[in-house]
Amino acid sequence: MSTVTTPARRQAAPASPRGASPATVLVASLLGFFVIALDALVVNVSLPAIGHSLSGGMTGLQWVVDGYTLMFAALMVSAGALSDRIGASRAFGGGMVVFTLASAACGLAPSLSLLVVARLVQGAAAAVMMPASLALVRQAFPEAGARARAIAVWTAGGAIAGALGPVLGGALTSAWSWRGVFFINLPVGVLALVLLARVPRSAGRPAPVDLPGQLAGVVALGALTYGVIDGGAHGFGSPAVLLTLLVAVAAAVVFLVVEARQKQPMVPLSLFRSRTVSVCVAVGFAINAVFYGIVFVLSLFFQQVRGQSALSAGLMFVPMTALVAVVNLFVAAWAARRFGPKVPMVAGQIGTALGLLGLLTVDRATPTALLALTVIPLGIAGALAVPPLTATMLDGVPADRAGTAAGVLNTARQVGGALSVAVFGALIGSGASFTDGMRMSLAVAAVLLTASALAPLFLLPGRRATAG
C-alpha cells in the first residue's frame, strides 16, 4: 500500500542543475522513499521478538510502531517548507544522515525506551526526506512527460517497499535478529548519500515555517496517541490518562486558533471549505487507519496466538500485497476513467469492509492457506480507492495549492495509521483474550470503513474524473 500522495498538478519545476545526472537523482530519491516506506511496515512482524528481547509489553510495542508514524505525520507538512528554504538536496541529505544514524541506534538499542526514542528520530528524519526526495525528482526532470515517468518510478519504490516489508522483516527476524530490520537501512542510506554527493546543491528560496502551529500539532497528536495507548494499559479513568487527553484537546484548540490567524499557516483551514477536500481527507484517514491498525493486530495474532514464526507471519501478507501492486498499477486508474472516481473509492472500501467481516471467523485453528486468502481483501481499499482519491483531492483545489493539499492528505493518512495502532492495541490489551480484542478491532474497522465509503457516495460532486 502506497504511503504517499504525489502532487500531480503543479507548475513546471526548474531545470536540473548543470552536471546533474537525472538518473542519479532519481535513484537517490527512490532509495530514500524506499526506506521511508519500508520502515512503516517492516517492524510489525518483528514485534513479538522485540518484546521478548527487550522485555516489553503491549504499550511499548505500540510505541515502536507509533513513534515512527507519529513524527512522520506531525512534521510532514512543515518539512516541505523546510526543504524549500534550505534546498531539496541539503534537506534530503541531512534527513538521510539522521535517518541512517537513527536506524543504527534502533538496531543497537539496549532497551525498549531507547528503541522508541530512536524510532521518533527516524520518523522526524523521514518527514524531512519525503518532500525533499520528490522535489529532487521534479528538479531533475523539467520536461513534463519525463517527469511523470520518473515520478511513477519513484512511487513504485514505495509500493515495492510496502510489499517487501512484512516478508523482509520476518526473514531477517527468523534468520538473524529483529535488529536486522533496522540495520538493513544502513547500506541503503550510505548508497543514497554517495549518489547524492554527485548532485549539485539545490537552490533554496524564502519559505515560512509555521513554528507555533507545528508545535501545537505535535503536542496534540502526541498527547492523543499517548492517552489512548496508556488508557488501554491503565484504564481511561486514570487521572494521568484524563490529563493527557485534556492536553491533547487544548493543544488541538491552540492549533486551530494559530492556523486561523497565521498569514501563511502550515495547514490553511480554508482548504476544508471545499467539500471535496474534507471528504477526501476523511476517507484517506479511514483507509490508512484500517490498513495499518489491522496489519499491526494480525502480525501479533499470527505469532502470539497461532505460534507462527516471524517469517511465516510475513509470508501471510504476500497475497495481499501482490494484489495491492496489481490493482494499484493496472486497475484503479482504468476504473476511475471508466466509471468516475466514486465507484472505485466506494467499491474499494466496501470490499475491504466485507473482508474484515470475513476475518471475524478466523481463530487459532484456521488453516494457514485459508487465512492467507482471507487477509487479501485488507488491501483492496488502499489499492483501488487511493489513486482516484488522490486525483479527486488535487482536482478539488487550485493548482498553486496542490502541494499543500497533498501534504494535508498524507498527514491525515499517517495520523489515521498512528491512532489506529493505539486504539486497536488498547482493544486487544484490554479484552478478555487476544482473539476477543482482535474481533472487536475488526468490527470497529469494518464500521469505520463502511461509514467512510458512504461519504464519497453522498457528498462528492457527481462529475466524472480521471485518475492517473
Protein backbone atom coordinates (compact mmCIF):
# COMPACT_ATOMS: atom_id res chain seq x y z
CA MET A 1 0.00 0.00 0.00
CA SER A 2 1.46 3.30 -1.03
CA THR A 3 2.28 5.66 1.79
CA VAL A 4 2.36 8.93 -0.11
CA THR A 5 0.24 11.09 -2.35
CA THR A 6 2.14 12.84 -5.10
CA PRO A 7 1.04 16.29 -6.26
CA ALA A 8 0.21 15.69 -9.88
CA ARG A 9 -0.65 19.20 -10.98
CA ARG A 10 1.94 21.82 -10.22
CA GLN A 11 3.81 24.29 -12.34
CA ALA A 12 6.90 23.01 -14.12
CA ALA A 13 9.98 22.66 -11.96
CA PRO A 14 13.19 24.44 -12.84
CA ALA A 15 15.70 22.62 -14.95
CA SER A 16 18.11 20.38 -13.11
CA PRO A 17 21.46 21.91 -12.21
CA ARG A 18 24.19 21.64 -14.83
CA GLY A 19 26.21 18.47 -14.40
CA ALA A 20 23.50 16.60 -12.53
CA SER A 21 22.53 13.18 -13.83
CA PRO A 22 18.74 12.78 -13.79
CA ALA A 23 19.12 9.02 -13.37
CA THR A 24 21.44 9.52 -10.39
CA VAL A 25 18.99 11.92 -8.76
CA LEU A 26 16.10 9.52 -9.37
CA VAL A 27 17.91 6.53 -7.86
CA ALA A 28 18.99 8.50 -4.79
CA SER A 29 15.46 9.82 -4.27
CA LEU A 30 13.92 6.41 -4.84
CA LEU A 31 16.22 4.83 -2.25
CA GLY A 32 15.13 7.45 0.26
CA PHE A 33 11.45 6.81 -0.40
CA PHE A 34 12.10 3.06 -0.28
CA VAL A 35 13.47 3.07 3.26
CA ILE A 36 10.79 5.52 4.44
CA ALA A 37 8.01 3.24 3.20
CA LEU A 38 9.82 0.10 4.32
CA ASP A 39 10.12 1.24 7.92
CA ALA A 40 6.39 1.87 8.15
CA LEU A 41 5.69 -1.89 7.83
CA VAL A 42 8.90 -3.90 8.22
CA VAL A 43 8.85 -3.78 12.01
CA ASN A 44 5.36 -5.23 12.54
CA VAL A 45 6.21 -8.92 12.27
CA SER A 46 9.28 -8.35 14.45
CA LEU A 47 7.28 -7.00 17.41
CA PRO A 48 6.99 -10.28 19.36
CA ALA A 49 10.75 -10.81 19.07
CA ILE A 50 11.39 -7.21 20.17
CA GLY A 51 9.06 -7.63 23.14
CA HIS A 52 10.78 -10.86 24.18
CA SER A 53 14.30 -9.46 23.72
CA LEU A 54 13.72 -6.14 25.48
CA SER A 55 11.07 -7.29 27.97
CA GLY A 56 8.39 -5.02 26.56
CA GLY A 57 4.62 -5.28 26.84
CA MET A 58 1.85 -4.16 24.51
CA THR A 59 2.28 -0.46 25.37
CA GLY A 60 5.95 -0.46 24.43
CA LEU A 61 5.34 -2.37 21.20
CA GLN A 62 2.64 0.11 20.18
CA TRP A 63 5.15 2.94 20.61
CA VAL A 64 7.74 1.12 18.48
CA VAL A 65 5.26 1.44 15.59
CA ASP A 66 3.65 4.75 16.52
CA GLY A 67 6.85 6.59 17.43
CA TYR A 68 7.85 6.47 13.78
CA THR A 69 4.42 7.12 12.27
CA LEU A 70 3.52 9.91 14.67
CA MET A 71 6.58 12.06 13.99
CA PHE A 72 6.34 11.35 10.29
CA ALA A 73 2.73 12.57 10.26
CA ALA A 74 3.20 15.56 12.55
CA LEU A 75 6.19 17.06 10.74
CA MET A 76 5.45 16.23 7.10
CA VAL A 77 3.68 19.45 6.11
CA SER A 78 6.26 21.77 7.70
CA ALA A 79 9.09 19.66 6.28
CA GLY A 80 8.06 20.72 2.78
CA ALA A 81 8.60 24.38 3.70
CA LEU A 82 11.95 23.50 5.27
CA SER A 83 13.01 21.73 2.07
CA ASP A 84 12.12 24.82 0.05
CA ARG A 85 14.01 27.09 2.45
CA ILE A 86 17.33 25.25 2.60
CA GLY A 87 17.19 23.47 -0.76
CA ALA A 88 15.96 19.97 -1.56
CA SER A 89 19.40 18.37 -1.83
CA ARG A 90 20.52 19.68 1.55
CA ALA A 91 17.24 18.70 3.23
CA PHE A 92 17.32 15.23 1.70
CA GLY A 93 20.98 14.68 2.59
CA GLY A 94 20.56 15.89 6.17
CA GLY A 95 17.42 13.82 6.59
CA MET A 96 19.13 10.71 5.21
CA VAL A 97 22.13 11.11 7.52
CA VAL A 98 19.86 11.40 10.57
CA PHE A 99 17.63 8.55 9.37
CA THR A 100 20.62 6.24 8.86
CA LEU A 101 22.12 7.06 12.25
CA ALA A 102 18.73 6.61 13.92
CA SER A 103 18.37 3.24 12.19
CA ALA A 104 21.72 2.19 13.64
CA ALA A 105 20.56 3.39 17.06
CA CYS A 106 17.38 1.31 16.70
CA GLY A 107 19.39 -1.79 15.85
CA LEU A 108 21.76 -1.26 18.78
CA ALA A 109 19.10 -0.22 21.31
CA PRO A 110 19.66 -1.96 24.67
CA SER A 111 16.19 -1.13 25.98
CA LEU A 112 12.69 -0.58 24.68
CA SER A 113 12.64 3.05 25.79
CA LEU A 114 15.79 3.85 23.78
CA LEU A 115 14.37 1.99 20.79
CA VAL A 116 11.24 4.16 20.93
CA VAL A 117 13.33 7.34 21.13
CA ALA A 118 15.35 6.24 18.09
CA ARG A 119 12.11 5.49 16.23
CA LEU A 120 10.88 9.02 16.99
CA VAL A 121 14.07 10.42 15.47
CA GLN A 122 13.66 8.10 12.47
CA GLY A 123 10.14 9.41 11.88
CA ALA A 124 11.26 13.04 12.10
CA ALA A 125 14.05 12.39 9.58
CA ALA A 126 11.63 10.58 7.27
CA ALA A 127 9.33 13.62 7.33
CA VAL A 128 12.21 15.83 6.15
CA MET A 129 13.29 13.38 3.45
CA MET A 130 9.89 12.73 1.90
CA PRO A 131 9.07 16.13 0.32
CA ALA A 132 12.75 16.74 -0.46
CA SER A 133 13.04 13.46 -2.38
CA LEU A 134 10.08 14.34 -4.59
CA ALA A 135 11.38 17.90 -5.06
CA LEU A 136 14.69 16.49 -6.29
CA VAL A 137 12.89 14.37 -8.87
CA ARG A 138 10.92 17.38 -10.08
CA GLN A 139 14.11 19.44 -10.42
CA ALA A 140 15.98 16.72 -12.29
CA PHE A 141 13.21 16.15 -14.85
CA PRO A 142 11.99 19.54 -16.12
CA GLU A 143 10.10 18.08 -19.11
CA ALA A 144 6.55 17.10 -18.15
CA GLY A 145 6.48 13.68 -19.81
CA ALA A 146 9.84 12.57 -18.45
CA ARG A 147 8.90 13.92 -15.03
CA ALA A 148 5.67 11.92 -15.00
CA ARG A 149 7.56 8.73 -15.82
CA ALA A 150 10.18 9.48 -13.16
CA ILE A 151 7.52 10.11 -10.51
CA ALA A 152 5.87 6.80 -11.46
CA VAL A 153 9.20 5.02 -10.88
CA TRP A 154 9.65 6.91 -7.60
CA THR A 155 6.16 5.90 -6.46
CA ALA A 156 6.85 2.28 -7.40
CA GLY A 157 9.75 2.31 -4.94
CA GLY A 158 7.30 2.91 -2.11
CA ALA A 159 4.91 0.24 -3.39
CA ILE A 160 7.73 -2.32 -3.59
CA ALA A 161 8.87 -1.42 -0.07
CA GLY A 162 5.34 -1.88 1.25
CA ALA A 163 5.10 -5.30 -0.39
CA LEU A 164 8.53 -6.40 0.82
CA GLY A 165 8.17 -5.00 4.35
CA PRO A 166 6.41 -7.88 6.16
CA VAL A 167 8.33 -10.60 4.30
CA LEU A 168 11.73 -8.94 4.74
CA GLY A 169 11.02 -8.22 8.38
CA GLY A 170 10.02 -11.83 9.00
CA ALA A 171 13.01 -13.24 7.11
CA LEU A 172 15.56 -11.06 8.94
CA THR A 173 14.00 -11.76 12.31
CA SER A 174 13.87 -15.52 11.76
CA ALA A 175 17.30 -15.90 10.15
CA TRP A 176 19.19 -13.38 12.26
CA SER A 177 17.57 -10.98 14.71
CA TRP A 178 14.91 -8.29 14.91
CA ARG A 179 17.82 -5.84 14.92
CA GLY A 180 18.41 -6.69 11.27
CA VAL A 181 15.19 -4.90 10.22
CA PHE A 182 16.90 -1.65 11.20
CA PHE A 183 20.44 -2.46 10.09
CA ILE A 184 19.15 -3.12 6.56
CA ASN A 185 18.72 0.66 6.23
CA LEU A 186 22.44 1.34 6.68
CA PRO A 187 23.79 0.22 3.28
CA VAL A 188 20.78 1.77 1.54
CA GLY A 189 21.34 5.08 3.32
CA VAL A 190 25.07 5.11 2.55
CA LEU A 191 24.43 4.35 -1.14
CA ALA A 192 21.85 7.15 -1.36
CA LEU A 193 24.31 9.62 0.19
CA VAL A 194 27.10 8.55 -2.18
CA LEU A 195 24.81 9.18 -5.14
CA LEU A 196 23.60 12.48 -3.70
CA ALA A 197 27.20 13.69 -3.38
CA ARG A 198 27.39 13.68 -7.20
CA VAL A 199 24.39 16.02 -7.49
CA PRO A 200 24.92 19.82 -7.34
CA ARG A 201 23.27 21.58 -4.43
CA SER A 202 19.67 22.70 -4.93
CA ALA A 203 18.88 26.38 -4.54
CA GLY A 204 16.75 27.45 -1.61
CA ARG A 205 14.04 30.08 -1.56
CA PRO A 206 12.22 32.01 1.16
CA ALA A 207 9.58 29.78 2.70
CA PRO A 208 7.93 30.47 6.06
CA VAL A 209 7.89 27.71 8.67
CA ASP A 210 4.85 27.82 10.95
CA LEU A 211 6.60 27.01 14.23
CA PRO A 212 3.67 27.78 16.60
CA GLY A 213 1.31 25.66 14.51
CA GLN A 214 3.86 22.89 14.19
CA LEU A 215 4.50 22.78 17.95
CA ALA A 216 0.78 22.74 18.75
CA GLY A 217 0.20 19.98 16.21
CA VAL A 218 2.97 17.77 17.60
CA VAL A 219 1.69 18.22 21.17
CA ALA A 220 -1.91 17.48 20.15
CA LEU A 221 -1.08 14.32 18.19
CA GLY A 222 1.49 13.11 20.70
CA ALA A 223 -0.77 13.63 23.72
CA LEU A 224 -3.74 11.98 21.99
CA THR A 225 -1.71 8.94 20.99
CA TYR A 226 -0.12 8.66 24.43
CA GLY A 227 -3.52 8.99 26.12
CA VAL A 228 -5.09 6.24 24.01
CA ILE A 229 -2.15 3.86 24.45
CA ASP A 230 -1.86 4.50 28.19
CA GLY A 231 -5.64 4.32 28.56
CA GLY A 232 -5.60 0.84 27.09
CA ALA A 233 -2.97 -0.21 29.61
CA HIS A 234 -4.23 1.53 32.77
CA GLY A 235 -7.84 2.44 32.07
CA PHE A 236 -9.31 5.60 30.61
CA GLY A 237 -10.49 6.71 34.03
CA SER A 238 -6.90 7.10 35.23
CA PRO A 239 -6.14 10.72 36.24
CA ALA A 240 -2.91 10.70 34.21
CA VAL A 241 -4.76 9.49 31.12
CA LEU A 242 -7.53 12.05 31.52
CA LEU A 243 -4.99 14.83 31.97
CA THR A 244 -3.12 13.74 28.84
CA LEU A 245 -6.30 13.71 26.79
CA LEU A 246 -7.20 17.18 28.08
CA VAL A 247 -3.77 18.39 26.97
CA ALA A 248 -4.47 16.92 23.53
CA VAL A 249 -7.77 18.78 23.29
CA ALA A 250 -6.22 22.04 24.48
CA ALA A 251 -3.34 21.73 22.01
CA ALA A 252 -5.77 20.99 19.17
CA VAL A 253 -7.73 24.16 20.02
CA VAL A 254 -4.49 26.16 20.07
CA PHE A 255 -3.55 24.67 16.70
CA LEU A 256 -6.85 25.74 15.14
CA VAL A 257 -6.56 29.26 16.57
CA VAL A 258 -2.97 29.63 15.36
CA GLU A 259 -3.76 28.34 11.87
CA ALA A 260 -6.77 30.66 11.60
CA ARG A 261 -4.64 33.72 12.47
CA GLN A 262 -1.41 32.93 10.61
CA LYS A 263 -0.83 34.78 7.34
CA GLN A 264 0.88 31.69 5.91
CA PRO A 265 -0.35 28.75 8.01
CA MET A 266 1.03 25.23 7.89
CA VAL A 267 -2.50 23.91 7.23
CA PRO A 268 -4.74 26.53 5.60
CA LEU A 269 -8.14 25.94 7.21
CA SER A 270 -9.76 27.46 4.13
CA LEU A 271 -8.95 24.21 2.31
CA PHE A 272 -11.65 22.48 4.31
CA ARG A 273 -14.34 24.79 2.99
CA SER A 274 -14.19 22.53 -0.03
CA ARG A 275 -16.49 19.54 0.43
CA THR A 276 -14.20 17.53 -1.84
CA VAL A 277 -11.14 18.21 0.30
CA SER A 278 -12.95 17.37 3.55
CA VAL A 279 -14.32 14.10 2.19
CA CYS A 280 -11.00 13.01 0.67
CA VAL A 281 -9.11 13.75 3.89
CA ALA A 282 -11.65 11.78 5.94
CA VAL A 283 -11.57 8.83 3.55
CA GLY A 284 -7.76 8.82 3.45
CA PHE A 285 -7.68 8.84 7.26
CA ALA A 286 -10.08 5.88 7.45
CA ILE A 287 -8.30 3.76 4.83
CA ASN A 288 -4.90 4.08 6.50
CA ALA A 289 -6.39 3.63 9.97
CA VAL A 290 -7.88 0.29 8.95
CA PHE A 291 -4.88 -0.93 6.98
CA TYR A 292 -2.08 -0.16 9.44
CA GLY A 293 -4.13 -0.96 12.52
CA ILE A 294 -5.21 -4.39 11.29
CA VAL A 295 -1.75 -5.28 9.94
CA PHE A 296 -0.43 -4.49 13.46
CA VAL A 297 -3.07 -6.72 15.09
CA LEU A 298 -2.69 -9.60 12.64
CA SER A 299 1.11 -9.57 12.90
CA LEU A 300 0.76 -10.24 16.63
CA PHE A 301 -2.09 -12.73 16.15
CA PHE A 302 -0.12 -14.90 13.75
CA GLN A 303 2.77 -15.25 16.19
CA GLN A 304 1.37 -14.87 19.70
CA VAL A 305 -1.87 -16.82 19.20
CA ARG A 306 -1.12 -19.19 16.31
CA GLY A 307 2.55 -19.72 17.17
CA GLN A 308 3.87 -18.97 13.66
CA SER A 309 7.43 -17.84 13.09
CA ALA A 310 8.22 -14.26 12.08
CA LEU A 311 8.96 -15.42 8.52
CA SER A 312 5.72 -17.36 8.31
CA ALA A 313 3.83 -14.33 9.62
CA GLY A 314 5.42 -12.11 6.99
CA LEU A 315 4.54 -14.55 4.21
CA MET A 316 0.88 -14.40 5.25
CA PHE A 317 0.73 -10.88 3.80
CA VAL A 318 2.25 -11.76 0.40
CA PRO A 319 -1.05 -12.48 -1.43
CA MET A 320 -2.50 -9.23 -0.09
CA THR A 321 0.50 -7.07 -1.05
CA ALA A 322 0.65 -8.70 -4.50
CA LEU A 323 -2.98 -7.74 -5.05
CA VAL A 324 -2.25 -4.17 -3.92
CA ALA A 325 0.52 -3.81 -6.51
CA VAL A 326 -1.53 -5.22 -9.39
CA VAL A 327 -4.72 -3.29 -8.62
CA ASN A 328 -2.86 -0.04 -7.92
CA LEU A 329 -0.92 -0.15 -11.19
CA PHE A 330 -3.43 -1.66 -13.62
CA VAL A 331 -6.99 -1.44 -12.29
CA ALA A 332 -7.52 1.71 -10.22
CA ALA A 333 -6.78 4.28 -12.92
CA TRP A 334 -8.81 2.36 -15.52
CA ALA A 335 -11.79 2.08 -13.17
CA ALA A 336 -11.71 5.79 -12.40
CA ARG A 337 -11.57 6.68 -16.10
CA ARG A 338 -14.33 4.24 -16.98
CA PHE A 339 -16.75 4.86 -14.10
CA GLY A 340 -15.58 8.08 -12.44
CA PRO A 341 -13.76 8.31 -9.09
CA LYS A 342 -16.73 7.49 -6.85
CA VAL A 343 -17.08 3.88 -8.00
CA PRO A 344 -13.54 2.64 -7.19
CA MET A 345 -13.45 4.72 -3.99
CA VAL A 346 -16.69 3.20 -2.69
CA ALA A 347 -16.09 -0.30 -4.08
CA GLY A 348 -12.59 -0.47 -2.59
CA GLN A 349 -13.75 0.44 0.88
CA ILE A 350 -16.80 -1.83 0.83
CA GLY A 351 -14.66 -4.70 -0.44
CA THR A 352 -12.24 -4.31 2.45
CA ALA A 353 -15.11 -3.91 4.96
CA LEU A 354 -16.58 -7.24 3.79
CA GLY A 355 -13.15 -8.81 4.05
CA LEU A 356 -12.85 -7.59 7.64
CA LEU A 357 -16.15 -9.27 8.46
CA GLY A 358 -14.74 -12.48 6.97
CA LEU A 359 -11.74 -12.23 9.28
CA LEU A 360 -14.12 -12.31 12.27
CA THR A 361 -14.43 -16.07 11.71
CA VAL A 362 -10.72 -16.91 11.99
CA ASP A 363 -9.14 -18.39 15.09
CA ARG A 364 -6.14 -20.44 16.18
CA ALA A 365 -7.33 -23.49 14.22
CA THR A 366 -7.99 -21.77 10.87
CA PRO A 367 -5.85 -23.44 8.15
CA THR A 368 -2.88 -21.25 7.22
CA ALA A 369 -3.61 -21.20 3.48
CA LEU A 370 -7.23 -20.19 4.08
CA LEU A 371 -6.17 -17.47 6.50
CA ALA A 372 -3.70 -16.02 3.98
CA LEU A 373 -6.53 -15.83 1.43
CA THR A 374 -8.84 -14.22 3.99
CA VAL A 375 -6.28 -11.45 4.55
CA ILE A 376 -6.26 -10.48 0.84
CA PRO A 377 -9.26 -8.07 0.96
CA LEU A 378 -7.47 -5.95 3.56
CA GLY A 379 -5.52 -4.27 0.75
CA ILE A 380 -8.42 -3.59 -1.62
CA ALA A 381 -9.35 -0.19 -0.18
CA GLY A 382 -5.86 1.22 -0.49
CA ALA A 383 -5.20 -0.30 -3.90
CA LEU A 384 -8.49 0.63 -5.56
CA ALA A 385 -9.55 3.78 -3.71
CA VAL A 386 -6.36 5.78 -3.07
CA PRO A 387 -5.38 6.65 -6.69
CA PRO A 388 -8.81 8.17 -7.57
CA LEU A 389 -8.96 9.68 -4.10
CA THR A 390 -5.65 11.42 -4.79
CA ALA A 391 -6.76 12.69 -8.19
CA THR A 392 -10.09 13.92 -6.81
CA MET A 393 -8.35 15.75 -3.98
CA LEU A 394 -5.93 17.51 -6.31
CA ASP A 395 -8.69 18.36 -8.79
CA GLY A 396 -10.61 19.99 -5.93
CA VAL A 397 -8.01 22.66 -5.17
CA PRO A 398 -6.29 25.40 -7.23
CA ALA A 399 -3.04 24.35 -8.91
CA ASP A 400 -0.95 26.50 -6.57
CA ARG A 401 -2.43 24.68 -3.57
CA ALA A 402 -1.76 21.15 -4.89
CA GLY A 403 1.41 20.61 -2.87
CA THR A 404 -0.21 21.81 0.35
CA ALA A 405 -3.30 19.69 -0.28
CA ALA A 406 -1.15 16.61 -0.92
CA GLY A 407 0.72 17.25 2.33
CA VAL A 408 -2.53 17.59 4.27
CA LEU A 409 -3.88 14.36 2.76
CA ASN A 410 -0.69 12.45 3.53
CA THR A 411 -0.64 13.78 7.07
CA ALA A 412 -4.24 12.70 7.64
CA ARG A 413 -3.45 9.22 6.35
CA GLN A 414 -0.42 8.83 8.59
CA VAL A 415 -2.34 10.14 11.61
CA GLY A 416 -5.00 7.54 10.89
CA GLY A 417 -2.37 4.81 10.94
CA ALA A 418 -0.85 6.03 14.20
CA LEU A 419 -4.15 6.39 16.05
CA SER A 420 -5.46 3.01 14.89
CA VAL A 421 -2.41 1.21 16.26
CA ALA A 422 -3.06 2.97 19.57
CA VAL A 423 -6.78 2.16 19.59
CA PHE A 424 -6.57 -1.43 18.35
CA GLY A 425 -3.64 -2.14 20.67
CA ALA A 426 -5.79 -0.90 23.56
CA LEU A 427 -8.63 -3.18 22.47
CA ILE A 428 -6.52 -6.34 22.24
CA GLY A 429 -4.78 -5.45 25.51
CA SER A 430 -8.00 -4.89 27.46
CA GLY A 431 -10.14 -7.71 26.04
CA ALA A 432 -10.86 -11.00 27.81
CA SER A 433 -8.49 -12.65 25.32
CA PHE A 434 -6.36 -11.57 22.37
CA THR A 435 -8.88 -13.07 19.94
CA ASP A 436 -11.77 -11.17 21.54
CA GLY A 437 -9.84 -7.90 21.29
CA MET A 438 -8.89 -8.67 17.70
CA ARG A 439 -12.50 -9.31 16.73
CA MET A 440 -13.57 -6.07 18.36
CA SER A 441 -10.86 -4.26 16.38
CA LEU A 442 -12.05 -5.89 13.15
CA ALA A 443 -15.64 -4.88 13.84
CA VAL A 444 -14.65 -1.28 14.60
CA ALA A 445 -12.56 -1.17 11.42
CA ALA A 446 -15.44 -2.54 9.31
CA VAL A 447 -17.86 0.06 10.70
CA LEU A 448 -15.36 2.89 10.14
CA LEU A 449 -14.70 1.87 6.56
CA THR A 450 -18.40 1.41 5.76
CA ALA A 451 -19.18 4.88 7.09
CA SER A 452 -16.23 6.28 5.13
CA ALA A 453 -17.49 4.58 1.95
CA LEU A 454 -20.80 6.44 2.20
CA ALA A 455 -19.11 9.86 2.24
CA PRO A 456 -17.97 9.89 -1.42
CA LEU A 457 -21.32 8.44 -2.48
CA PHE A 458 -23.41 11.23 -1.00
CA LEU A 459 -21.04 14.17 -0.57
CA LEU A 460 -18.72 14.30 -3.59
CA PRO A 461 -19.91 16.11 -6.72
CA GLY A 462 -21.43 13.86 -9.35
CA ARG A 463 -18.90 14.68 -12.07
CA ARG A 464 -16.65 12.11 -13.66
CA ALA A 465 -12.90 12.50 -13.38
CA THR A 466 -9.78 10.73 -14.42
CA ALA A 467 -7.12 9.34 -12.16
CA GLY A 468 -3.60 8.92 -13.29
